[in-house]
Amino acid sequence: MLMKSSSDIKSENMAVRLHRRTIMGRRVRQISENISSLFPAGISTVLDVGAGTGEMAVAINQYRQELKIMGADVYIRPKTFIPVEKYDGSRLPFEDGAFDAVMTVDVLHHCNDPVATLKECSRVARKWVVVKDHISNNWWDAKRLRFMDWVGNRAHGVVLPYNYLSALEWDDAFSEAGLELDSQVCQIGLYPQPFEFLFGGSLHGLYLLRKIGGC
């Protein structure tokens, strides 16, 4: 087994610190602001699938205080900012249509079967599903996304199967999950320059989806 040198470990730690300092805070702000705008008026209950600590939910509540957001995750963190239910990665522990809306932020590409997870999100949503995830239309997109995911997640032990979908594959996934596109944000503005040029723009999609036949 090859051991990493101290210089390799130091470089990895520097990359993680740089990512958190320059990327994470802005990412949460930009995504939460956009999701808050996408959520239609009149909804009350929201499930965040892959909620982590609930940091994104708290940020959304700063814009939409009327929303009651709870989470579901395969791993429950020692400290969470919202209630989070244990999820076995296969079936969400909720009844059909249990929530007005379901959201999942940069989670589906970590799943072994992104479409199956999306179907579960659709099942427990009464009408709306919000998806933020990556878009990989070619090998260069995939290469950049892999690097970005590695920097952002490796230190936290997050599984990295790199299951990215193309724009056309996302369209097919939405249809298969019984969802239709209502609106989307194409330019989220996640990163400061020059990172936005390299890792932003068309590599990210944010979608408001309506459940077909939802009440």
C-alpha atoms as a PDB file:
ATOM      1  CA  MET A   1       0.000   0.000   0.000  1.00  0.00           C
ATOM      2  CA  LEU A   2       1.432   3.376  -1.010  1.00  0.00           C
ATOM      3  CA  MET A   3       1.617   6.001   1.713  1.00  0.00           C
ATOM      4  CA  LYS A   4       1.042   9.658   0.931  1.00  0.00           C
ATOM      5  CA  SER A   5       3.911  12.011   1.513  1.00  0.00           C
ATOM      6  CA  SER A   6       3.571  14.900   3.949  1.00  0.00           C
ATOM      7  CA  SER A   7       3.703  17.317   1.005  1.00  0.00           C
ATOM      8  CA  ASP A   8       0.775  15.519  -0.690  1.00  0.00           C
ATOM      9  CA  ILE A   9      -1.282  15.675   2.495  1.00  0.00           C
ATOM     10  CA  LYS A  10      -0.404  19.340   2.960  1.00  0.00           C
ATOM     11  CA  SER A  11      -1.484  20.131  -0.619  1.00  0.00           C
ATOM     12  CA  GLU A  12      -4.805  18.306  -0.111  1.00  0.00           C
ATOM     13  CA  ASN A  13      -5.482  20.160   3.135  1.00  0.00           C
ATOM     14  CA  MET A  14      -4.724  23.490   1.468  1.00  0.00           C
ATOM     15  CA  ALA A  15      -7.150  22.692  -1.361  1.00  0.00           C
ATOM     16  CA  VAL A  16      -9.888  21.845   1.148  1.00  0.00           C
ATOM     17  CA  ARG A  17      -9.311  25.054   3.135  1.00  0.00           C
ATOM     18  CA  LEU A  18      -9.277  27.161  -0.032  1.00  0.00           C
ATOM     19  CA  HIS A  19     -12.518  25.547  -1.205  1.00  0.00           C
ATOM     20  CA  ARG A  20     -14.309  26.274   2.085  1.00  0.00           C
ATOM     21  CA  ARG A  21     -13.026  29.838   2.333  1.00  0.00           C
ATOM     22  CA  THR A  22     -13.732  30.921  -1.253  1.00  0.00           C
ATOM     23  CA  ILE A  23     -16.560  28.613  -2.355  1.00  0.00           C
ATOM     24  CA  MET A  24     -18.835  27.173   0.328  1.00  0.00           C
ATOM     25  CA  GLY A  25     -20.307  30.316   1.866  1.00  0.00           C
ATOM     26  CA  ARG A  26     -21.143  31.872  -1.492  1.00  0.00           C
ATOM     27  CA  ARG A  27     -22.499  28.554  -2.787  1.00  0.00           C
ATOM     28  CA  VAL A  28     -24.987  28.267   0.071  1.00  0.00           C
ATOM     29  CA  ARG A  29     -26.096  31.886  -0.344  1.00  0.00           C
ATOM     30  CA  GLN A  30     -26.596  31.669  -4.104  1.00  0.00           C
ATOM     31  CA  ILE A  31     -28.395  28.340  -4.094  1.00  0.00           C
ATOM     32  CA  SER A  32     -30.646  29.188  -1.144  1.00  0.00           C
ATOM     33  CA  GLU A  33     -31.629  32.536  -2.659  1.00  0.00           C
ATOM     34  CA  ASN A  34     -32.490  30.942  -5.992  1.00  0.00           C
ATOM     35  CA  ILE A  35     -34.415  28.047  -4.445  1.00  0.00           C
ATOM     36  CA  SER A  36     -36.359  30.479  -2.269  1.00  0.00           C
ATOM     37  CA  SER A  37     -37.399  32.332  -5.414  1.00  0.00           C
ATOM     38  CA  LEU A  38     -38.339  29.128  -7.242  1.00  0.00           C
ATOM     39  CA  PHE A  39     -40.586  27.743  -4.519  1.00  0.00           C
ATOM     40  CA  PRO A  40     -44.171  28.759  -5.378  1.00  0.00           C
ATOM     41  CA  ALA A  41     -46.299  30.705  -2.927  1.00  0.00           C
ATOM     42  CA  GLY A  42     -48.677  28.707  -0.770  1.00  0.00           C
ATOM     43  CA  ILE A  43     -46.432  25.766   0.091  1.00  0.00           C
ATOM     44  CA  SER A  44     -45.676  24.994   3.717  1.00  0.00           C
ATOM     45  CA  THR A  45     -43.896  21.658   4.221  1.00  0.00           C
ATOM     46  CA  VAL A  46     -40.613  20.807   2.499  1.00  0.00           C
ATOM     47  CA  LEU A  47     -38.366  17.740   2.664  1.00  0.00           C
ATOM     48  CA  ASP A  48     -34.656  18.194   1.985  1.00  0.00           C
ATOM     49  CA  VAL A  49     -33.296  14.864   0.677  1.00  0.00           C
ATOM     50  CA  GLY A  50     -29.605  14.563   1.476  1.00  0.00           C
ATOM     51  CA  ALA A  51     -29.894  17.409   3.960  1.00  0.00           C
ATOM     52  CA  GLY A  52     -26.560  16.919   5.711  1.00  0.00           C
ATOM     53  CA  THR A  53     -26.486  19.298   8.675  1.00  0.00           C
ATOM     54  CA  GLY A  54     -29.461  21.269   7.347  1.00  0.00           C
ATOM     55  CA  GLU A  55     -27.339  24.310   6.544  1.00  0.00           C
ATOM     56  CA  MET A  56     -29.085  24.865   3.208  1.00  0.00           C
ATOM     57  CA  ALA A  57     -32.523  24.622   4.817  1.00  0.00           C
ATOM     58  CA  VAL A  58     -31.596  27.244   7.407  1.00  0.00           C
ATOM     59  CA  ALA A  59     -30.378  29.562   4.647  1.00  0.00           C
ATOM     60  CA  ILE A  60     -33.638  29.114   2.717  1.00  0.00           C
ATOM     61  CA  ASN A  61     -35.650  29.900   5.854  1.00  0.00           C
ATOM     62  CA  GLN A  62     -33.949  33.284   5.996  1.00  0.00           C
ATOM     63  CA  TYR A  63     -35.825  34.133   2.786  1.00  0.00           C
ATOM     64  CA  ARG A  64     -38.941  31.995   3.301  1.00  0.00           C
ATOM     65  CA  GLN A  65     -39.688  31.889   7.013  1.00  0.00           C
ATOM     66  CA  GLU A  66     -43.075  30.252   6.465  1.00  0.00           C
ATOM     67  CA  LEU A  67     -41.511  27.019   5.207  1.00  0.00           C
ATOM     68  CA  LYS A  68     -41.288  24.075   7.591  1.00  0.00           C
ATOM     69  CA  ILE A  69     -38.252  22.143   6.339  1.00  0.00           C
ATOM     70  CA  MET A  70     -37.101  18.765   7.587  1.00  0.00           C
ATOM     71  CA  GLY A  71     -34.422  16.501   6.184  1.00  0.00           C
ATOM     72  CA  ALA A  72     -33.651  12.924   5.236  1.00  0.00           C
ATOM     73  CA  ASP A  73     -30.162  11.490   4.895  1.00  0.00           C
ATOM     74  CA  VAL A  74     -28.368   8.167   4.851  1.00  0.00           C
ATOM     75  CA  TYR A  75     -25.975   9.467   7.493  1.00  0.00           C
ATOM     76  CA  ILE A  76     -27.189  11.536  10.439  1.00  0.00           C
ATOM     77  CA  ARG A  77     -24.582  14.094  11.495  1.00  0.00           C
ATOM     78  CA  PRO A  78     -23.814  14.513  15.197  1.00  0.00           C
ATOM     79  CA  LYS A  79     -25.300  18.008  15.031  1.00  0.00           C
ATOM     80  CA  THR A  80     -28.060  19.134  12.681  1.00  0.00           C
ATOM     81  CA  PHE A  81     -29.866  22.464  12.405  1.00  0.00           C
ATOM     82  CA  ILE A  82     -33.169  20.858  11.367  1.00  0.00           C
ATOM     83  CA  PRO A  83     -34.833  17.516  12.185  1.00  0.00           C
ATOM     84  CA  VAL A  84     -33.301  14.824   9.933  1.00  0.00           C
ATOM     85  CA  GLU A  85     -34.759  11.334   9.464  1.00  0.00           C
ATOM     86  CA  LYS A  86     -32.597   8.310   8.732  1.00  0.00           C
ATOM     87  CA  TYR A  87     -32.928   7.168   5.100  1.00  0.00           C
ATOM     88  CA  ASP A  88     -31.725   3.757   3.895  1.00  0.00           C
ATOM     89  CA  GLY A  89     -30.775   5.068   0.459  1.00  0.00           C
ATOM     90  CA  SER A  90     -33.563   3.125  -1.194  1.00  0.00           C
ATOM     91  CA  ARG A  91     -36.977   4.215   0.102  1.00  0.00           C
ATOM     92  CA  LEU A  92     -37.732   7.466   1.881  1.00  0.00           C
ATOM     93  CA  PRO A  93     -39.498   6.800   5.221  1.00  0.00           C
ATOM     94  CA  PHE A  94     -42.583   8.875   4.371  1.00  0.00           C
ATOM     95  CA  GLU A  95     -46.011   8.330   2.866  1.00  0.00           C
ATOM     96  CA  ASP A  96     -46.898   9.275  -0.710  1.00  0.00           C
ATOM     97  CA  GLY A  97     -47.432  13.028  -1.061  1.00  0.00           C
ATOM     98  CA  ALA A  98     -46.344  13.693   2.521  1.00  0.00           C
ATOM     99  CA  PHE A  99     -44.766  17.087   1.684  1.00  0.00           C
ATOM    100  CA  ASP A 100     -45.868  20.041  -0.400  1.00  0.00           C
ATOM    101  CA  ALA A 101     -42.400  20.089  -1.964  1.00  0.00           C
ATOM    102  CA  VAL A 102     -39.172  18.096  -1.956  1.00  0.00           C
ATOM    103  CA  MET A 103     -35.730  19.490  -2.677  1.00  0.00           C
ATOM    104  CA  THR A 104     -32.394  17.812  -3.285  1.00  0.00           C
ATOM    105  CA  VAL A 105     -29.201  19.830  -3.701  1.00  0.00           C
ATOM    106  CA  ASP A 106     -26.113  18.266  -5.322  1.00  0.00           C
ATOM    107  CA  VAL A 107     -27.119  14.837  -4.040  1.00  0.00           C
ATOM    108  CA  LEU A 108     -28.348  12.794  -6.994  1.00  0.00           C
ATOM    109  CA  HIS A 109     -24.935  12.458  -8.660  1.00  0.00           C
ATOM    110  CA  HIS A 110     -23.703  10.806  -5.444  1.00  0.00           C
ATOM    111  CA  CYS A 111     -26.403   8.115  -5.678  1.00  0.00           C
ATOM    112  CA  ASN A 112     -25.819   4.716  -7.229  1.00  0.00           C
ATOM    113  CA  ASP A 113     -29.106   5.159  -9.103  1.00  0.00           C
ATOM    114  CA  PRO A 114     -29.943   8.885  -9.440  1.00  0.00           C
ATOM    115  CA  VAL A 115     -33.215   8.205 -11.257  1.00  0.00           C
ATOM    116  CA  ALA A 116     -34.469   5.829  -8.549  1.00  0.00           C
ATOM    117  CA  THR A 117     -33.761   8.463  -5.890  1.00  0.00           C
ATOM    118  CA  LEU A 118     -35.499  11.108  -7.978  1.00  0.00           C
ATOM    119  CA  LYS A 119     -38.549   8.838  -8.229  1.00  0.00           C
ATOM    120  CA  GLU A 120     -38.629   8.641  -4.431  1.00  0.00           C
ATOM    121  CA  CYS A 121     -38.485  12.432  -4.226  1.00  0.00           C
ATOM    122  CA  SER A 122     -41.424  12.592  -6.611  1.00  0.00           C
ATOM    123  CA  ARG A 123     -43.369   9.966  -4.664  1.00  0.00           C
ATOM    124  CA  VAL A 124     -43.302  11.838  -1.348  1.00  0.00           C
ATOM    125  CA  ALA A 125     -43.933  15.247  -2.960  1.00  0.00           C
ATOM    126  CA  ARG A 126     -47.514  16.444  -3.256  1.00  0.00           C
ATOM    127  CA  LYS A 127     -46.799  18.722  -6.210  1.00  0.00           C
ATOM    128  CA  TRP A 128     -43.288  20.211  -6.427  1.00  0.00           C
ATOM    129  CA  VAL A 129     -39.707  18.961  -6.628  1.00  0.00           C
ATOM    130  CA  VAL A 130     -36.645  21.202  -6.764  1.00  0.00           C
ATOM    131  CA  VAL A 131     -33.408  19.702  -8.066  1.00  0.00           C
ATOM    132  CA  LYS A 132     -29.982  21.324  -8.064  1.00  0.00           C
ATOM    133  CA  ASP A 133     -27.327  19.135  -9.626  1.00  0.00           C
ATOM    134  CA  HIS A 134     -24.495  18.921 -12.116  1.00  0.00           C
ATOM    135  CA  ILE A 135     -24.720  18.675 -15.903  1.00  0.00           C
ATOM    136  CA  SER A 136     -22.081  16.826 -17.892  1.00  0.00           C
ATOM    137  CA  ASN A 137     -22.488  17.000 -21.655  1.00  0.00           C
ATOM    138  CA  ASN A 138     -18.966  15.905 -22.640  1.00  0.00           C
ATOM    139  CA  TRP A 139     -15.652  14.566 -21.335  1.00  0.00           C
ATOM    140  CA  TRP A 140     -14.342  18.032 -20.412  1.00  0.00           C
ATOM    141  CA  ASP A 141     -17.442  18.718 -18.311  1.00  0.00           C
ATOM    142  CA  ALA A 142     -16.960  15.391 -16.520  1.00  0.00           C
ATOM    143  CA  LYS A 143     -13.285  16.081 -15.870  1.00  0.00           C
ATOM    144  CA  ARG A 144     -13.996  19.457 -14.259  1.00  0.00           C
ATOM    145  CA  LEU A 145     -16.893  18.107 -12.221  1.00  0.00           C
ATOM    146  CA  ARG A 146     -14.815  15.207 -10.931  1.00  0.00           C
ATOM    147  CA  PHE A 147     -12.101  17.592  -9.750  1.00  0.00           C
ATOM    148  CA  MET A 148     -14.642  19.884  -8.136  1.00  0.00           C
ATOM    149  CA  ASP A 149     -16.382  17.008  -6.344  1.00  0.00           C
ATOM    150  CA  TRP A 150     -13.076  15.583  -5.146  1.00  0.00           C
ATOM    151  CA  VAL A 151     -11.946  18.877  -3.645  1.00  0.00           C
ATOM    152  CA  GLY A 152     -15.300  19.611  -2.034  1.00  0.00           C
ATOM    153  CA  ASN A 153     -16.140  16.159  -0.666  1.00  0.00           C
ATOM    154  CA  ARG A 154     -13.115  13.902  -0.267  1.00  0.00           C
ATOM    155  CA  ALA A 155     -12.132  15.250   3.148  1.00  0.00           C
ATOM    156  CA  HIS A 156     -15.646  14.548   4.460  1.00  0.00           C
ATOM    157  CA  GLY A 157     -15.734  10.901   3.405  1.00  0.00           C
ATOM    158  CA  VAL A 158     -18.537  11.445   0.892  1.00  0.00           C
ATOM    159  CA  VAL A 159     -19.015   8.616  -1.630  1.00  0.00           C
ATOM    160  CA  LEU A 160     -17.973   9.793  -5.097  1.00  0.00           C
ATOM    161  CA  PRO A 161     -19.471   7.608  -7.862  1.00  0.00           C
ATOM    162  CA  TYR A 162     -19.504  10.628 -10.240  1.00  0.00           C
ATOM    163  CA  ASN A 163     -22.886   9.716 -11.699  1.00  0.00           C
ATOM    164  CA  TYR A 164     -23.354  12.872 -13.749  1.00  0.00           C
ATOM    165  CA  LEU A 165     -26.150  13.214 -16.286  1.00  0.00           C
ATOM    166  CA  SER A 166     -26.245  15.216 -19.492  1.00  0.00           C
ATOM    167  CA  ALA A 167     -28.960  17.777 -20.161  1.00  0.00           C
ATOM    168  CA  LEU A 168     -30.847  15.232 -22.280  1.00  0.00           C
ATOM    169  CA  GLU A 169     -30.463  12.542 -19.627  1.00  0.00           C
ATOM    170  CA  TRP A 170     -31.892  14.926 -17.029  1.00  0.00           C
ATOM    171  CA  ASP A 171     -34.918  15.484 -19.258  1.00  0.00           C
ATOM    172  CA  ASP A 172     -35.413  11.720 -19.498  1.00  0.00           C
ATOM    173  CA  ALA A 173     -34.946  11.313 -15.727  1.00  0.00           C
ATOM    174  CA  PHE A 174     -37.592  13.936 -14.994  1.00  0.00           C
ATOM    175  CA  SER A 175     -40.070  12.229 -17.307  1.00  0.00           C
ATOM    176  CA  GLU A 176     -39.332   8.798 -15.825  1.00  0.00           C
ATOM    177  CA  ALA A 177     -39.956  10.189 -12.333  1.00  0.00           C
ATOM    178  CA  GLY A 178     -43.311  11.626 -13.391  1.00  0.00           C
ATOM    179  CA  LEU A 179     -42.119  15.227 -13.342  1.00  0.00           C
ATOM    180  CA  GLU A 180     -42.315  18.064 -15.830  1.00  0.00           C
ATOM    181  CA  LEU A 181     -40.227  21.208 -15.959  1.00  0.00           C
ATOM    182  CA  ASP A 182     -41.922  24.325 -14.640  1.00  0.00           C
ATOM    183  CA  SER A 183     -38.931  26.690 -14.565  1.00  0.00           C
ATOM    184  CA  GLN A 184     -35.163  26.626 -14.194  1.00  0.00           C
ATOM    185  CA  VAL A 185     -32.123  28.731 -13.351  1.00  0.00           C
ATOM    186  CA  CYS A 186     -29.292  28.297 -15.839  1.00  0.00           C
ATOM    187  CA  GLN A 187     -26.785  30.781 -14.412  1.00  0.00           C
ATOM    188  CA  ILE A 188     -26.647  30.426 -10.643  1.00  0.00           C
ATOM    189  CA  GLY A 189     -23.433  32.407 -10.144  1.00  0.00           C
ATOM    190  CA  LEU A 190     -22.017  29.992  -7.606  1.00  0.00           C
ATOM    191  CA  TYR A 191     -18.399  31.059  -7.619  1.00  0.00           C
ATOM    192  CA  PRO A 192     -16.246  34.177  -7.727  1.00  0.00           C
ATOM    193  CA  GLN A 193     -14.104  34.587 -10.818  1.00  0.00           C
ATOM    194  CA  PRO A 194     -12.048  32.895 -12.161  1.00  0.00           C
ATOM    195  CA  PHE A 195     -13.698  29.853 -10.545  1.00  0.00           C
ATOM    196  CA  GLU A 196     -17.082  30.634 -12.116  1.00  0.00           C
ATOM    197  CA  PHE A 197     -15.538  30.517 -15.595  1.00  0.00           C
ATOM    198  CA  LEU A 198     -13.930  27.132 -14.898  1.00  0.00           C
ATOM    199  CA  PHE A 199     -16.503  25.404 -12.700  1.00  0.00           C
ATOM    200  CA  GLY A 200     -19.789  27.312 -12.970  1.00  0.00           C
ATOM    201  CA  GLY A 201     -22.187  28.176 -15.767  1.00  0.00           C
ATOM    202  CA  SER A 202     -23.518  25.265 -17.774  1.00  0.00           C
ATOM    203  CA  LEU A 203     -22.083  22.653 -15.379  1.00  0.00           C
ATOM    204  CA  HIS A 204     -24.979  23.365 -13.002  1.00  0.00           C
ATOM    205  CA  GLY A 205     -28.738  23.161 -13.292  1.00  0.00           C
ATOM    206  CA  LEU A 206     -31.450  24.263 -10.871  1.00  0.00           C
ATOM    207  CA  TYR A 207     -34.946  23.043 -11.746  1.00  0.00           C
ATOM    208  CA  LEU A 208     -38.452  23.572 -10.409  1.00  0.00           C
ATOM    209  CA  LEU A 209     -40.417  20.481 -11.388  1.00  0.00           C
ATOM    210  CA  ARG A 210     -44.156  19.913 -11.229  1.00  0.00           C
ATOM    211  CA  LYS A 211     -45.433  16.463 -10.404  1.00  0.00           C
ATOM    212  CA  ILE A 212     -47.569  15.207 -13.249  1.00  0.00           C
ATOM    213  CA  GLY A 213     -51.021  14.607 -11.831  1.00  0.00           C
ATOM    214  CA  GLY A 214     -50.051  16.270  -8.530  1.00  0.00           C
ATOM    215  CA  CYS A 215     -52.823  18.027  -6.663  1.00  0.00           C
END
